[in-house]
Amino acid sequence: MSTLTRILALLGLPLGLLIVGCAMAGEDAISVNGGPNLRQCTSNFDCSGDDTCINRQCLPPGPLTPDSLSLELSPPEASGFARTQFLDIALDEYGQRDSFDLPMPNEYEAVIHGPDGLPISANLAIFGEPRILGRELDVNASLVAGPGNRLIFRLNEGSYVVRIRPSSDDIPGMEVSRFTVRPQAGRIIKEFVLPSSYRRLYGEVTSSLSNSEKLSGVSVRAYGEESGLPSTVSVTDENGQYELLLPATEDTTFRLVATLPSDQQPAWGFDQIVGGIDPEQGRQRAIHLEPTSDELRGTGRFQVLGTTLDGRLGAPVPNAFVTLTATVSGAVEAPAYDISGITDSDGFMVVDFEGSTSTQVPLLKARYVVRVVPPINTPYTGRQSVLDLTAARAGFVLEEQVTLPQRTHVTGTVLSRFGSAVSGALLELRPLSPDGRPGDAITDADGSFEVDLDPGPYLLVIRPRGATSSGELVPVTAQTIEVTEQPRQGLDLITVSLGSSLSWVVRGGPQGTTVPGTRAELFVTIAGQVVSLGRSESDADGVCTIVVPQR
């Protein structure tokens, strides 16, 4: 054992942290810690691109270290404090702070009154502003009207958006877009009173062939594009008239949906975005429905099959989610019809229609966009295609097969910045395309992994489980990858950053009392995705410890 090695051992430092800048004459260049076959080197001049000579191996640069992180503290309910976020704090500041202080929140008891002033049952959702992306929801609870039923919550000082959705379809919802919380002692009774008048969206439903043909029995409803809150439901009368009460929000654009009764299905419906709705008065909007005659109706059977690597038909794909959406080219207001189902053990689409299940799928004569999403544990990728089903007719069953190509078999290896295998790490693969499906894997003892993925871009999140075999701390890291449309793909070597262990005390209230049992979680945004870098729970002394990337 060399003198330098003895010194490192006495100091308790991992041998894997020894950086070798040059090789002694006569020594073999050996890969440390059982890593994969890498290009060996004696200096950086032996490596290509941005690779660096570390431990006599050319290693690629690790992921960029984030400049700032956001911290979320979720104290236990009994503590009297509320969930608190500290946004975009510089990474260096985490190492300089010895504590984070929870503010004293306001405590509220909510009461929700309907337009007549009587208590109603409703869902209450409260969103904080600003917040960590995707973690804006501070309160989400249902209140059932009745004696003794109470909804109690705590909020810190700040600005919030409140959305109330009544349990009854006869009462539209309400949004309070500027709910401001200022410090106030004692429990506060907060009454939310729904307005007595609402904007209206009204008009008539007629046949697209003739405005004089009024359609009765059509169910109509609207949904706010921003708030997502629904209107009331209206069923057209004998004159085809409908009237909706729109939710009390700032929405000026709504999704308007109209469908014929179930006993007249399958039938064309209406599903359009309607804008320009006055914030005070509402507007009139006629709905023109494409007529549906018996000559347009038919049935079909759809089977989903996998394919082999050489493109041949494979086994049926059970438990795949299938959606058929009719398309009508050239229509100013395209009629809407869609139906969805799950494939059975033989790969046939099964639908629930008029209270019974069947592989006989009701159709309208049209072209369809078919979207198939197979289970995540199959080797097949999802697919979207167009089927021409204009041959559909009564008394005839169309038979169609949808084939799914194989997913790409992806392999790779994860090493620490000093060449140690990162074993047992959980890999989370988040699709960055709308139709992508997630994947996951666990690295083997040598840091290698394999996973089947749909082609497209992904965010690869690496969650190590403890230190490496040479004692290196490795934090959660993430980077983007691109999966190609090939049967197999080997990724470039993946290296993770070195980590440091940070600790701080969670305190709360004017006395700075420690708050044990507080869940702490750090977040960073990468490629538009919010990634948790680690979580911890404060101990009996209020201390939290989390491993973060080194700068």
Protein backbone atom coordinates (compact mmCIF):
# COMPACT_ATOMS: atom_id res chain seq x y z
CA MET A 1 0.00 0.00 0.00
CA SER A 2 1.42 3.42 -0.99
CA THR A 3 2.12 6.15 1.57
CA LEU A 4 -0.68 8.33 0.14
CA THR A 5 -3.14 5.42 0.34
CA ARG A 6 -2.23 4.82 4.00
CA ILE A 7 -2.83 8.50 4.78
CA LEU A 8 -6.25 8.39 3.11
CA ALA A 9 -7.18 5.25 5.03
CA LEU A 10 -6.11 6.77 8.36
CA LEU A 11 -8.19 9.86 7.65
CA GLY A 12 -11.22 7.70 6.79
CA LEU A 13 -11.48 9.10 3.25
CA PRO A 14 -12.84 6.86 0.44
CA LEU A 15 -10.16 5.63 -1.91
CA GLY A 16 -12.49 6.37 -4.85
CA LEU A 17 -12.01 10.10 -4.24
CA LEU A 18 -8.33 9.92 -5.21
CA ILE A 19 -7.96 11.85 -8.45
CA VAL A 20 -5.09 10.63 -10.55
CA GLY A 21 -3.75 13.22 -12.96
CA CYS A 22 -0.90 11.12 -14.29
CA ALA A 23 0.05 7.42 -14.36
CA MET A 24 3.33 6.07 -13.00
CA ALA A 25 5.56 4.26 -15.46
CA GLY A 26 4.86 0.55 -15.69
CA GLU A 27 1.40 0.72 -13.99
CA ASP A 28 -1.68 -0.65 -15.74
CA ALA A 29 -4.61 1.76 -16.16
CA ILE A 30 -7.33 -0.03 -14.14
CA SER A 31 -10.98 0.97 -13.84
CA VAL A 32 -11.84 1.45 -10.16
CA ASN A 33 -14.88 0.14 -8.34
CA GLY A 34 -16.01 -2.28 -11.02
CA GLY A 35 -17.21 0.39 -13.46
CA PRO A 36 -17.93 -0.28 -17.16
CA ASN A 37 -15.27 -0.38 -19.84
CA LEU A 38 -14.28 3.25 -20.32
CA ARG A 39 -11.61 5.02 -22.26
CA GLN A 40 -8.50 5.00 -20.08
CA CYS A 41 -6.28 8.03 -19.68
CA THR A 42 -3.30 9.55 -17.95
CA SER A 43 -4.45 13.18 -18.35
CA ASN A 44 -7.29 15.26 -19.77
CA PHE A 45 -5.45 15.38 -23.12
CA ASP A 46 -6.29 11.68 -23.58
CA CYS A 47 -10.05 12.39 -23.38
CA SER A 48 -12.34 13.76 -26.07
CA GLY A 49 -14.83 16.60 -25.90
CA ASP A 50 -15.71 17.77 -22.40
CA ASP A 51 -14.68 14.48 -20.74
CA THR A 52 -12.28 14.68 -17.79
CA CYS A 53 -9.58 12.23 -16.73
CA ILE A 54 -10.61 11.02 -13.28
CA ASN A 55 -9.25 7.84 -11.69
CA ARG A 56 -7.55 7.11 -15.05
CA GLN A 57 -10.93 6.99 -16.80
CA CYS A 58 -12.43 9.49 -19.21
CA LEU A 59 -15.71 10.50 -17.57
CA PRO A 60 -18.32 12.81 -19.12
CA PRO A 61 -19.29 16.01 -17.31
CA GLY A 62 -22.01 15.60 -14.72
CA PRO A 63 -25.33 17.46 -14.81
CA LEU A 64 -25.31 21.18 -14.14
CA THR A 65 -25.73 22.08 -10.48
CA PRO A 66 -28.84 24.23 -9.91
CA ASP A 67 -28.28 27.79 -8.73
CA SER A 68 -31.31 27.80 -6.45
CA LEU A 69 -33.74 25.43 -4.78
CA SER A 70 -37.20 25.77 -3.25
CA LEU A 71 -37.99 24.30 0.16
CA GLU A 72 -41.38 23.10 1.38
CA LEU A 73 -41.99 22.48 5.09
CA SER A 74 -45.11 20.53 6.10
CA PRO A 75 -45.47 20.57 9.89
CA PRO A 76 -47.68 18.06 11.74
CA GLU A 77 -51.31 19.09 12.20
CA ALA A 78 -50.99 19.20 15.98
CA SER A 79 -48.20 21.81 15.79
CA GLY A 80 -50.64 24.56 14.85
CA PHE A 81 -48.51 25.66 11.88
CA ALA A 82 -49.31 25.50 8.14
CA ARG A 83 -47.46 24.22 5.11
CA THR A 84 -44.83 26.83 4.18
CA GLN A 85 -42.72 27.29 1.05
CA PHE A 86 -39.42 29.16 0.70
CA LEU A 87 -38.99 29.89 -3.01
CA ASP A 88 -35.80 30.05 -5.10
CA ILE A 89 -33.23 30.26 -2.33
CA ALA A 90 -29.63 30.23 -3.58
CA LEU A 91 -27.92 26.89 -3.05
CA ASP A 92 -25.07 28.58 -1.18
CA GLU A 93 -27.54 30.09 1.30
CA TYR A 94 -28.73 26.65 2.40
CA GLY A 95 -25.20 25.93 3.63
CA GLN A 96 -25.08 29.22 5.53
CA ARG A 97 -28.42 28.96 7.35
CA ASP A 98 -28.85 27.05 10.59
CA SER A 99 -32.66 27.27 10.74
CA PHE A 100 -35.89 27.95 8.87
CA ASP A 101 -38.74 29.62 10.75
CA LEU A 102 -42.42 28.78 10.25
CA PRO A 103 -44.70 31.83 10.47
CA MET A 104 -47.78 31.85 12.69
CA PRO A 105 -50.77 31.13 10.43
CA ASN A 106 -54.38 32.28 10.62
CA GLU A 107 -56.88 29.59 11.56
CA TYR A 108 -60.21 29.63 9.71
CA GLU A 109 -63.52 27.87 10.04
CA ALA A 110 -65.28 27.87 6.66
CA VAL A 111 -69.01 28.23 6.15
CA ILE A 112 -70.42 28.07 2.62
CA HIS A 113 -73.83 29.58 1.89
CA GLY A 114 -75.87 29.18 -1.26
CA PRO A 115 -77.64 32.01 -3.11
CA ASP A 116 -80.58 31.71 -0.69
CA GLY A 117 -78.28 32.20 2.31
CA LEU A 118 -78.62 28.61 3.56
CA PRO A 119 -75.57 26.36 4.15
CA ILE A 120 -74.73 24.05 1.24
CA SER A 121 -72.40 21.11 0.65
CA ALA A 122 -69.44 21.97 -1.57
CA ASN A 123 -65.79 21.34 -2.32
CA LEU A 124 -63.40 24.08 -1.22
CA ALA A 125 -60.02 24.43 -2.98
CA ILE A 126 -57.53 27.16 -2.04
CA PHE A 127 -54.44 27.84 -4.14
CA GLY A 128 -51.49 29.92 -2.92
CA GLU A 129 -49.71 32.55 -5.03
CA PRO A 130 -46.82 32.26 -5.77
CA ARG A 131 -46.00 28.62 -5.16
CA ILE A 132 -43.78 25.78 -6.35
CA LEU A 133 -45.13 24.68 -9.74
CA GLY A 134 -47.68 21.90 -9.29
CA ARG A 135 -47.80 22.39 -5.52
CA GLU A 136 -50.10 25.42 -5.34
CA LEU A 137 -52.98 23.65 -3.61
CA ASP A 138 -53.00 24.51 0.11
CA VAL A 139 -56.54 23.37 0.96
CA ASN A 140 -58.72 20.80 -0.79
CA ALA A 141 -61.64 19.56 1.28
CA SER A 142 -65.35 18.85 1.07
CA LEU A 143 -67.82 20.39 3.48
CA VAL A 144 -71.13 18.62 4.06
CA ALA A 145 -73.86 20.98 5.20
CA GLY A 146 -75.36 19.97 8.52
CA PRO A 147 -75.16 20.47 12.29
CA GLY A 148 -71.72 19.85 13.74
CA ASN A 149 -69.94 19.63 10.36
CA ARG A 150 -66.99 22.01 10.34
CA LEU A 151 -64.14 22.68 7.94
CA ILE A 152 -61.10 24.12 9.72
CA PHE A 153 -57.87 25.08 7.93
CA ARG A 154 -54.79 27.25 8.40
CA LEU A 155 -53.22 29.70 5.97
CA ASN A 156 -50.07 31.80 6.19
CA GLU A 157 -50.03 35.48 5.33
CA GLY A 158 -50.26 35.94 1.57
CA SER A 159 -52.48 35.93 -1.51
CA TYR A 160 -54.75 33.05 -2.53
CA VAL A 161 -57.30 31.92 -5.12
CA VAL A 162 -60.43 30.22 -3.71
CA ARG A 163 -62.63 27.93 -5.83
CA ILE A 164 -65.94 26.59 -4.58
CA ARG A 165 -67.79 23.83 -6.40
CA PRO A 166 -71.25 23.06 -4.96
CA SER A 167 -72.29 19.42 -4.74
CA SER A 168 -75.57 20.25 -6.49
CA ASP A 169 -75.53 20.67 -10.28
CA ASP A 170 -78.26 23.28 -9.88
CA ILE A 171 -75.85 25.81 -8.34
CA PRO A 172 -72.84 27.12 -10.29
CA GLY A 173 -69.46 27.50 -8.62
CA MET A 174 -67.57 30.59 -7.55
CA GLU A 175 -63.98 31.79 -7.63
CA VAL A 176 -62.42 34.41 -5.35
CA SER A 177 -59.29 35.43 -7.22
CA ARG A 178 -57.84 37.81 -4.63
CA PHE A 179 -58.27 36.32 -1.18
CA THR A 180 -55.72 38.07 1.02
CA VAL A 181 -54.64 36.71 4.39
CA ARG A 182 -53.25 39.13 6.97
CA PRO A 183 -52.10 38.06 10.45
CA GLN A 184 -55.00 37.87 12.87
CA ALA A 185 -55.28 36.16 16.27
CA GLY A 186 -57.94 33.60 17.17
CA ARG A 187 -60.09 31.40 14.96
CA ILE A 188 -61.76 33.32 12.15
CA ILE A 189 -65.22 32.37 10.88
CA LYS A 190 -64.96 32.79 7.11
CA GLU A 191 -68.28 32.83 5.28
CA PHE A 192 -68.28 32.26 1.55
CA VAL A 193 -71.62 33.33 0.08
CA LEU A 194 -72.47 32.35 -3.48
CA PRO A 195 -74.03 35.19 -5.49
CA SER A 196 -77.75 35.43 -6.13
CA SER A 197 -77.29 36.24 -9.82
CA TYR A 198 -74.95 34.84 -12.46
CA ARG A 199 -73.96 35.42 -16.05
CA ARG A 200 -76.03 33.46 -18.52
CA LEU A 201 -75.13 31.51 -21.62
CA TYR A 202 -78.31 30.81 -23.53
CA GLY A 203 -79.70 30.05 -26.95
CA GLU A 204 -81.32 27.30 -28.94
CA VAL A 205 -80.25 23.93 -30.25
CA THR A 206 -81.22 23.26 -33.84
CA SER A 207 -80.38 20.90 -36.65
CA SER A 208 -77.38 21.98 -38.71
CA LEU A 209 -79.52 21.42 -41.81
CA SER A 210 -82.35 23.74 -40.78
CA ASN A 211 -82.63 26.34 -38.05
CA SER A 212 -86.37 25.73 -37.99
CA GLU A 213 -85.84 22.18 -36.68
CA LYS A 214 -85.58 22.68 -32.92
CA LEU A 215 -84.09 19.81 -30.89
CA SER A 216 -85.53 18.98 -27.49
CA GLY A 217 -84.04 16.80 -24.75
CA VAL A 218 -80.45 17.85 -25.46
CA SER A 219 -78.22 18.14 -22.36
CA VAL A 220 -76.02 21.27 -22.36
CA ARG A 221 -73.24 22.31 -19.98
CA ALA A 222 -70.23 24.67 -20.01
CA TYR A 223 -66.84 24.58 -18.25
CA GLY A 224 -64.54 27.52 -17.53
CA GLU A 225 -61.29 27.23 -19.49
CA GLU A 226 -59.14 28.69 -16.69
CA SER A 227 -61.01 27.76 -13.52
CA GLY A 228 -62.42 24.43 -14.70
CA LEU A 229 -65.62 25.18 -12.77
CA PRO A 230 -68.84 23.97 -14.44
CA SER A 231 -72.07 25.77 -15.16
CA THR A 232 -75.47 24.44 -14.30
CA VAL A 233 -76.97 21.74 -16.52
CA SER A 234 -79.77 22.59 -18.95
CA VAL A 235 -81.94 20.22 -20.97
CA THR A 236 -83.53 21.86 -24.01
CA ASP A 237 -87.32 22.28 -24.00
CA GLU A 238 -89.73 21.61 -26.87
CA ASN A 239 -88.53 24.82 -28.56
CA GLY A 240 -84.88 23.77 -28.35
CA GLN A 241 -84.13 26.49 -25.78
CA TYR A 242 -81.40 26.15 -23.15
CA GLU A 243 -80.09 28.49 -20.46
CA LEU A 244 -76.96 28.02 -18.36
CA LEU A 245 -75.88 29.87 -15.26
CA LEU A 246 -72.12 30.31 -15.56
CA PRO A 247 -69.83 30.09 -12.53
CA ALA A 248 -68.88 33.38 -10.86
CA THR A 249 -65.32 33.58 -12.17
CA GLU A 250 -63.21 35.80 -14.38
CA ASP A 251 -63.42 33.24 -17.22
CA THR A 252 -64.40 34.72 -20.57
CA THR A 253 -63.84 31.47 -22.48
CA PHE A 254 -65.80 28.29 -21.89
CA ARG A 255 -65.95 24.78 -23.30
CA LEU A 256 -69.56 24.23 -24.38
CA VAL A 257 -70.80 20.63 -24.61
CA ALA A 258 -74.17 19.37 -25.91
CA THR A 259 -75.24 15.71 -26.11
CA LEU A 260 -78.42 13.92 -27.14
CA PRO A 261 -80.16 11.54 -24.67
CA SER A 262 -78.70 8.05 -24.18
CA ASP A 263 -81.63 6.41 -25.96
CA GLN A 264 -80.65 8.30 -29.14
CA GLN A 265 -76.97 7.29 -29.04
CA PRO A 266 -74.73 6.91 -30.91
CA ALA A 267 -75.32 10.41 -32.17
CA TRP A 268 -73.39 13.51 -33.11
CA GLY A 269 -72.79 15.93 -30.29
CA PHE A 270 -71.31 19.39 -29.88
CA ASP A 271 -68.01 20.21 -28.13
CA GLN A 272 -66.60 23.67 -28.89
CA ILE A 273 -64.66 26.47 -27.23
CA VAL A 274 -66.80 29.59 -26.90
CA GLY A 275 -65.08 32.90 -26.20
CA GLY A 276 -66.02 36.53 -25.83
CA ILE A 277 -68.39 35.95 -22.92
CA ASP A 278 -68.98 39.24 -21.13
CA PRO A 279 -67.73 39.09 -17.50
CA GLU A 280 -70.98 40.70 -16.35
CA GLN A 281 -73.78 39.75 -18.72
CA GLY A 282 -72.84 36.56 -20.55
CA ARG A 283 -73.97 36.00 -24.13
CA GLN A 284 -76.25 34.17 -26.53
CA ARG A 285 -74.93 31.18 -28.44
CA ALA A 286 -76.83 28.96 -30.87
CA ILE A 287 -75.83 25.31 -31.11
CA HIS A 288 -76.18 23.50 -34.43
CA LEU A 289 -76.20 19.71 -34.13
CA GLU A 290 -75.43 17.46 -37.06
CA PRO A 291 -78.45 15.16 -37.58
CA THR A 292 -77.84 11.46 -36.98
CA SER A 293 -79.91 9.08 -39.10
CA ASP A 294 -79.98 5.30 -38.82
CA GLU A 295 -78.02 5.16 -42.10
CA LEU A 296 -75.04 6.72 -40.24
CA ARG A 297 -75.02 4.21 -37.40
CA GLY A 298 -73.10 0.96 -37.33
CA THR A 299 -70.92 -1.22 -35.14
CA GLY A 300 -67.32 -2.37 -35.15
CA ARG A 301 -64.92 -4.69 -33.35
CA PHE A 302 -61.41 -3.50 -32.61
CA GLN A 303 -58.54 -5.74 -31.65
CA VAL A 304 -55.19 -4.48 -30.40
CA LEU A 305 -52.17 -6.65 -31.22
CA GLY A 306 -48.50 -6.27 -30.48
CA THR A 307 -45.75 -6.76 -33.01
CA THR A 308 -42.44 -8.59 -32.80
CA LEU A 309 -39.05 -6.94 -33.27
CA ASP A 310 -39.04 -8.01 -36.92
CA GLY A 311 -42.48 -6.45 -37.51
CA ARG A 312 -44.63 -9.59 -37.45
CA LEU A 313 -47.97 -9.74 -35.65
CA GLY A 314 -47.64 -10.73 -32.04
CA ALA A 315 -49.89 -11.48 -29.10
CA PRO A 316 -53.10 -9.61 -28.18
CA VAL A 317 -52.60 -6.67 -25.82
CA PRO A 318 -55.03 -6.79 -22.85
CA ASN A 319 -55.91 -3.87 -20.57
CA ALA A 320 -55.05 -1.23 -23.17
CA PHE A 321 -57.06 2.02 -23.05
CA VAL A 322 -58.59 2.78 -26.47
CA THR A 323 -60.29 6.02 -27.53
CA LEU A 324 -62.08 6.58 -30.86
CA THR A 325 -62.72 10.22 -31.78
CA ALA A 326 -64.69 10.96 -34.95
CA THR A 327 -63.38 13.64 -37.28
CA VAL A 328 -65.32 15.50 -39.98
CA SER A 329 -63.15 17.38 -42.46
CA GLY A 330 -64.22 20.75 -43.78
CA ALA A 331 -66.90 21.39 -41.14
CA VAL A 332 -67.02 24.89 -39.65
CA GLU A 333 -68.33 23.45 -36.38
CA ALA A 334 -67.23 19.84 -36.48
CA PRO A 335 -69.72 17.49 -34.80
CA ALA A 336 -68.35 15.51 -31.88
CA TYR A 337 -68.52 11.82 -31.13
CA ASP A 338 -66.07 9.74 -29.14
CA ILE A 339 -66.16 6.48 -27.29
CA SER A 340 -63.56 4.70 -25.18
CA GLY A 341 -62.99 1.29 -23.63
CA ILE A 342 -60.48 -1.24 -22.29
CA THR A 343 -59.23 -4.29 -24.19
CA ASP A 344 -60.02 -7.77 -22.85
CA SER A 345 -57.68 -10.79 -22.62
CA ASP A 346 -58.01 -11.32 -26.39
CA GLY A 347 -57.15 -7.69 -27.14
CA PHE A 348 -60.71 -6.68 -28.13
CA MET A 349 -61.99 -3.27 -27.10
CA VAL A 350 -64.83 -3.54 -24.56
CA VAL A 351 -67.20 -0.60 -24.11
CA ASP A 352 -69.91 0.20 -21.61
CA PHE A 353 -72.93 1.30 -23.62
CA GLU A 354 -76.48 1.76 -22.32
CA GLY A 355 -75.68 -0.06 -19.09
CA SER A 356 -74.06 -3.19 -20.58
CA THR A 357 -70.57 -4.13 -21.75
CA SER A 358 -69.82 -5.46 -25.20
CA THR A 359 -67.08 -5.83 -27.80
CA GLN A 360 -69.61 -4.46 -30.32
CA VAL A 361 -68.60 -0.79 -30.45
CA PRO A 362 -71.33 1.63 -31.59
CA LEU A 363 -70.07 3.81 -34.43
CA LEU A 364 -71.04 6.67 -36.69
CA LYS A 365 -70.00 6.74 -40.33
CA ALA A 366 -66.81 8.86 -40.23
CA ARG A 367 -63.04 8.89 -40.06
CA TYR A 368 -61.66 8.39 -36.56
CA VAL A 369 -58.54 9.25 -34.64
CA VAL A 370 -57.69 6.11 -32.68
CA ARG A 371 -55.47 6.45 -29.62
CA VAL A 372 -54.23 3.31 -27.86
CA VAL A 373 -52.41 3.47 -24.53
CA PRO A 374 -51.17 0.00 -23.50
CA PRO A 375 -50.34 -0.88 -19.88
CA ILE A 376 -46.98 0.38 -18.70
CA ASN A 377 -45.71 -3.19 -18.08
CA THR A 378 -46.02 -4.26 -21.75
CA PRO A 379 -43.17 -4.09 -24.30
CA TYR A 380 -45.36 -2.10 -26.70
CA THR A 381 -45.50 1.61 -27.35
CA GLY A 382 -48.68 3.67 -27.52
CA ARG A 383 -50.02 4.68 -30.89
CA GLN A 384 -52.26 7.27 -32.49
CA SER A 385 -53.55 6.66 -36.01
CA VAL A 386 -56.48 7.44 -38.31
CA LEU A 387 -59.05 4.83 -39.31
CA ASP A 388 -61.52 5.31 -42.15
CA LEU A 389 -64.79 3.89 -40.83
CA THR A 390 -67.07 5.48 -43.41
CA ALA A 391 -68.15 1.95 -44.38
CA ALA A 392 -70.02 1.60 -41.08
CA ARG A 393 -73.70 0.73 -41.53
CA ALA A 394 -76.54 -1.00 -39.73
CA GLY A 395 -76.50 -4.79 -39.75
CA PHE A 396 -72.78 -4.99 -40.54
CA VAL A 397 -69.86 -5.27 -38.10
CA LEU A 398 -66.57 -3.70 -39.17
CA GLU A 399 -63.52 -5.70 -38.07
CA GLU A 400 -60.36 -3.68 -37.47
CA GLN A 401 -56.96 -4.46 -36.01
CA VAL A 402 -54.62 -1.90 -34.46
CA THR A 403 -51.00 -2.98 -34.19
CA LEU A 404 -48.55 -1.57 -31.65
CA PRO A 405 -44.82 -1.44 -32.34
CA GLN A 406 -42.24 -2.54 -29.80
CA ARG A 407 -40.92 0.02 -27.33
CA THR A 408 -37.24 0.89 -27.52
CA HIS A 409 -35.08 -1.23 -25.19
CA VAL A 410 -32.82 1.34 -23.52
CA THR A 411 -29.65 0.47 -21.61
CA GLY A 412 -27.23 2.68 -19.68
CA THR A 413 -24.85 2.98 -16.76
CA VAL A 414 -24.81 5.47 -13.88
CA LEU A 415 -21.51 6.34 -12.19
CA SER A 416 -20.52 8.86 -9.56
CA ARG A 417 -18.34 11.79 -10.51
CA PHE A 418 -15.30 9.74 -9.46
CA GLY A 419 -16.20 6.58 -11.33
CA SER A 420 -17.98 4.55 -8.63
CA ALA A 421 -21.02 2.54 -9.64
CA VAL A 422 -24.27 4.07 -8.35
CA SER A 423 -26.09 0.85 -7.47
CA GLY A 424 -29.66 0.43 -6.29
CA ALA A 425 -30.69 3.87 -7.54
CA LEU A 426 -34.30 4.37 -8.55
CA LEU A 427 -34.57 5.85 -12.04
CA GLU A 428 -37.68 7.82 -12.91
CA LEU A 429 -38.22 8.58 -16.60
CA ARG A 430 -40.73 11.37 -17.18
CA PRO A 431 -41.95 11.89 -20.76
CA LEU A 432 -41.58 15.45 -22.05
CA SER A 433 -44.00 14.86 -24.95
CA PRO A 434 -47.80 14.93 -24.42
CA ASP A 435 -48.36 11.32 -25.54
CA GLY A 436 -45.34 9.79 -23.81
CA ARG A 437 -45.62 7.24 -21.00
CA PRO A 438 -43.40 7.18 -17.91
CA GLY A 439 -40.93 4.45 -17.10
CA ASP A 440 -38.79 3.38 -14.17
CA ALA A 441 -35.80 1.14 -13.44
CA ILE A 442 -33.30 0.29 -10.71
CA THR A 443 -29.55 0.25 -11.29
CA ASP A 444 -27.65 -3.01 -10.74
CA ALA A 445 -24.50 -3.48 -8.68
CA ASP A 446 -22.34 -2.10 -11.50
CA GLY A 447 -24.64 0.91 -12.03
CA SER A 448 -26.19 -0.52 -15.21
CA PHE A 449 -29.90 -0.48 -16.01
CA GLU A 450 -32.35 -1.38 -18.75
CA VAL A 451 -35.88 -0.19 -19.45
CA ASP A 452 -38.42 -0.26 -22.31
CA LEU A 453 -39.58 3.22 -23.37
CA ASP A 454 -41.68 4.90 -26.03
CA PRO A 455 -39.62 7.02 -28.45
CA GLY A 456 -39.34 10.70 -27.54
CA PRO A 457 -37.74 13.09 -25.04
CA TYR A 458 -37.56 12.26 -21.33
CA LEU A 459 -36.35 13.74 -18.10
CA LEU A 460 -34.26 11.09 -16.36
CA VAL A 461 -34.37 11.55 -12.57
CA ILE A 462 -31.80 9.51 -10.62
CA ARG A 463 -32.61 8.85 -6.96
CA PRO A 464 -29.65 7.13 -5.24
CA ARG A 465 -30.21 5.09 -2.10
CA GLY A 466 -27.34 6.06 0.18
CA ALA A 467 -23.64 6.49 -0.52
CA THR A 468 -21.62 4.58 -3.11
CA SER A 469 -19.41 1.62 -2.17
CA SER A 470 -16.48 4.04 -1.83
CA GLY A 471 -18.40 6.30 0.53
CA GLU A 472 -19.33 9.11 -1.86
CA LEU A 473 -22.54 11.03 -1.13
CA VAL A 474 -24.61 11.26 -4.30
CA PRO A 475 -27.67 13.52 -4.50
CA VAL A 476 -30.77 13.27 -6.63
CA THR A 477 -29.90 14.53 -10.11
CA ALA A 478 -31.77 14.85 -13.40
CA GLN A 479 -30.99 15.30 -17.07
CA THR A 480 -32.80 15.05 -20.40
CA ILE A 481 -32.41 12.14 -22.80
CA GLU A 482 -33.85 11.38 -26.25
CA VAL A 483 -35.14 7.88 -27.03
CA THR A 484 -34.96 6.99 -30.72
CA GLU A 485 -37.29 4.81 -32.81
CA GLN A 486 -34.92 1.85 -32.80
CA PRO A 487 -35.31 -1.63 -31.28
CA ARG A 488 -32.34 -1.01 -28.97
CA GLN A 489 -30.49 2.05 -27.78
CA GLY A 490 -27.45 2.39 -25.53
CA LEU A 491 -27.23 5.73 -23.72
CA ASP A 492 -23.99 7.58 -23.20
CA LEU A 493 -22.44 7.09 -19.78
CA ILE A 494 -24.40 8.99 -17.12
CA THR A 495 -22.52 10.61 -14.24
CA VAL A 496 -24.08 12.17 -11.16
CA SER A 497 -22.85 15.08 -9.09
CA LEU A 498 -21.14 14.85 -5.74
CA GLY A 499 -23.41 15.63 -2.83
CA SER A 500 -23.13 17.42 0.49
CA SER A 501 -25.23 16.81 3.57
CA LEU A 502 -27.02 19.93 4.82
CA SER A 503 -28.78 20.21 8.15
CA TRP A 504 -30.95 22.89 9.67
CA VAL A 505 -33.44 23.33 12.49
CA VAL A 506 -37.15 23.91 11.89
CA ARG A 507 -38.52 26.50 14.30
CA GLY A 508 -41.88 28.20 14.62
CA GLY A 509 -43.68 31.00 16.39
CA PRO A 510 -42.36 34.13 18.07
CA GLN A 511 -40.37 32.07 20.61
CA GLY A 512 -38.56 30.08 17.91
CA THR A 513 -39.73 26.73 19.32
CA THR A 514 -38.40 23.68 17.48
CA VAL A 515 -41.00 21.75 15.46
CA PRO A 516 -40.31 17.97 15.40
CA GLY A 517 -42.03 15.78 12.83
CA THR A 518 -41.94 18.42 10.07
CA ARG A 519 -41.57 16.98 6.58
CA ALA A 520 -38.99 18.93 4.57
CA GLU A 521 -38.64 18.59 0.80
CA LEU A 522 -36.39 20.39 -1.69
CA PHE A 523 -37.50 21.08 -5.28
CA VAL A 524 -35.87 22.30 -8.46
CA THR A 525 -37.31 22.91 -11.95
CA ILE A 526 -35.53 21.13 -14.82
CA ALA A 527 -36.84 21.10 -18.41
CA GLY A 528 -40.16 22.47 -17.17
CA GLN A 529 -40.54 19.61 -14.68
CA VAL A 530 -40.52 20.06 -10.90
CA VAL A 531 -38.17 17.50 -9.36
CA SER A 532 -37.95 16.59 -5.69
CA LEU A 533 -34.26 16.51 -4.72
CA GLY A 534 -34.89 14.86 -1.39
CA ARG A 535 -37.05 14.78 1.68
CA SER A 536 -36.50 14.43 5.38
CA GLU A 537 -38.43 14.67 8.64
CA SER A 538 -37.22 16.77 11.53
CA ASP A 539 -36.12 14.77 14.56
CA ALA A 540 -36.93 15.37 18.22
CA ASP A 541 -34.68 18.44 18.16
CA GLY A 542 -36.32 19.82 15.00
CA VAL A 543 -33.28 18.98 12.84
CA CYS A 544 -33.70 18.05 9.13
CA THR A 545 -30.89 16.64 6.98
CA ILE A 546 -30.95 16.40 3.17
CA VAL A 547 -28.22 15.61 0.63
CA VAL A 548 -27.95 18.32 -2.07
CA PRO A 549 -25.68 18.74 -5.12
CA GLN A 550 -22.31 20.35 -4.51
CA ARG A 551 -21.49 23.53 -6.36
